[in-house]
Amino acid sequence: EQLEDGALFEIYDINNNLAVSLKTQVFPTERIKVFLEFASYSYYRYMLWFAPIFRFGASYKVNSLLNMGAEIEFQYIDMFTLSANCNSIDFRGFMRFNF
């Protein structure tokens, strides 16, 4: 997915469940992308409405074929109540090849 600087708000109906995502990203240079996301779902996680996911990441475009980066993801349980606590913190590094 290629977005320009700015924000993207999405609402999905996945198996009759409401899912939302708010993502903002900036490109400080032509090769660097920095993003911040607040969502009720993740590619790696089951969708839970009151367990929001906060994701922060950056990537660097080495050349037209290789993109490298890292992201950190926090998930909170019952965040909208008084008993909110951190469920997990995940760190991911990645390399993406484009052909």
Protein backbone atom coordinates (compact mmCIF):
# COMPACT_ATOMS: atom_id res chain seq x y z
CA GLU A 1 0.00 0.00 0.00
CA GLN A 2 1.36 3.38 -0.93
CA LEU A 3 -0.11 6.46 0.68
CA GLU A 4 1.14 9.97 0.47
CA ASP A 5 1.75 12.06 3.60
CA GLY A 6 -1.45 12.23 5.59
CA ALA A 7 -3.98 10.08 7.37
CA LEU A 8 -6.24 7.22 6.36
CA PHE A 9 -9.39 6.20 8.27
CA GLU A 10 -11.01 2.87 7.40
CA ILE A 11 -14.09 1.06 8.67
CA TYR A 12 -14.59 -2.60 7.80
CA ASP A 13 -17.33 -5.15 8.24
CA ILE A 14 -15.42 -8.40 8.75
CA ASN A 15 -17.76 -11.38 9.33
CA ASN A 16 -20.43 -9.01 10.69
CA ASN A 17 -17.98 -7.41 13.12
CA LEU A 18 -17.02 -3.76 13.07
CA ALA A 19 -13.31 -3.02 12.62
CA VAL A 20 -11.68 0.41 12.47
CA SER A 21 -8.23 1.70 11.65
CA LEU A 22 -6.67 5.17 11.74
CA LYS A 23 -3.25 5.34 10.12
CA THR A 24 -1.05 8.35 9.56
CA GLN A 25 2.29 8.38 7.81
CA VAL A 26 4.93 10.81 6.65
CA PHE A 27 7.82 10.55 4.23
CA PRO A 28 10.63 12.74 5.65
CA THR A 29 12.73 11.85 2.61
CA GLU A 30 12.04 9.96 -0.59
CA ARG A 31 13.39 6.73 0.93
CA ILE A 32 12.10 6.89 4.53
CA LYS A 33 8.53 6.24 5.70
CA VAL A 34 7.38 6.71 9.31
CA PHE A 35 3.89 5.64 10.38
CA LEU A 36 1.60 5.52 13.41
CA GLU A 37 -1.59 3.46 13.56
CA PHE A 38 -4.48 2.99 15.98
CA ALA A 39 -6.68 0.01 15.10
CA SER A 40 -9.08 -2.57 16.47
CA TYR A 41 -7.40 -5.34 14.47
CA SER A 42 -4.01 -6.42 13.19
CA TYR A 43 -2.75 -8.75 10.50
CA TYR A 44 -1.28 -10.92 13.28
CA ARG A 45 -4.09 -10.66 15.86
CA TYR A 46 -7.70 -11.63 16.30
CA MET A 47 -10.01 -8.64 16.16
CA LEU A 48 -11.26 -7.45 19.56
CA TRP A 49 -13.21 -4.20 19.79
CA PHE A 50 -12.12 -3.06 23.25
CA ALA A 51 -8.52 -4.19 22.86
CA PRO A 52 -6.99 -1.48 20.66
CA ILE A 53 -3.64 -1.85 18.98
CA PHE A 54 -1.12 0.97 18.72
CA ARG A 55 1.58 0.50 16.09
CA PHE A 56 4.61 2.66 15.34
CA GLY A 57 7.08 1.87 12.59
CA ALA A 58 9.53 3.07 10.01
CA SER A 59 10.95 1.72 6.80
CA TYR A 60 13.83 2.54 4.51
CA LYS A 61 13.79 1.98 0.76
CA VAL A 62 17.29 0.66 0.01
CA ASN A 63 16.67 0.52 -3.75
CA SER A 64 13.78 -0.20 -6.11
CA LEU A 65 13.79 -3.89 -5.12
CA LEU A 66 14.46 -3.86 -1.35
CA ASN A 67 12.62 -2.19 1.53
CA MET A 68 13.73 -2.71 5.19
CA GLY A 69 12.11 -1.59 8.40
CA ALA A 70 10.84 -2.25 11.90
CA GLU A 71 7.69 -1.70 13.90
CA ILE A 72 6.57 -1.96 17.50
CA GLU A 73 3.01 -2.86 18.44
CA PHE A 74 1.23 -2.43 21.80
CA GLN A 75 -2.10 -4.05 22.61
CA TYR A 76 -4.18 -3.04 25.61
CA ILE A 77 -7.07 -5.02 27.09
CA ASP A 78 -10.19 -3.25 28.41
CA MET A 79 -8.71 0.13 27.60
CA PHE A 80 -12.06 1.88 27.79
CA THR A 81 -12.68 0.78 31.38
CA LEU A 82 -10.87 1.43 34.66
CA SER A 83 -9.05 -1.91 34.55
CA ALA A 84 -6.96 -1.31 31.42
CA ASN A 85 -3.65 -3.14 31.21
CA CYS A 86 -1.03 -3.88 28.59
CA ASN A 87 -1.64 -7.29 27.04
CA SER A 88 1.41 -7.49 24.81
CA ILE A 89 4.25 -5.63 23.16
CA ASP A 90 5.62 -7.00 19.89
CA PHE A 91 8.63 -5.88 17.92
CA ARG A 92 8.98 -6.86 14.26
CA GLY A 93 11.77 -6.31 11.79
CA PHE A 94 11.14 -6.89 8.11
CA MET A 95 12.65 -6.97 4.64
CA ARG A 96 10.35 -6.59 1.65
CA PHE A 97 11.40 -7.54 -1.87
CA ASN A 98 9.56 -6.08 -4.88
CA PHE A 99 9.69 -7.82 -8.22
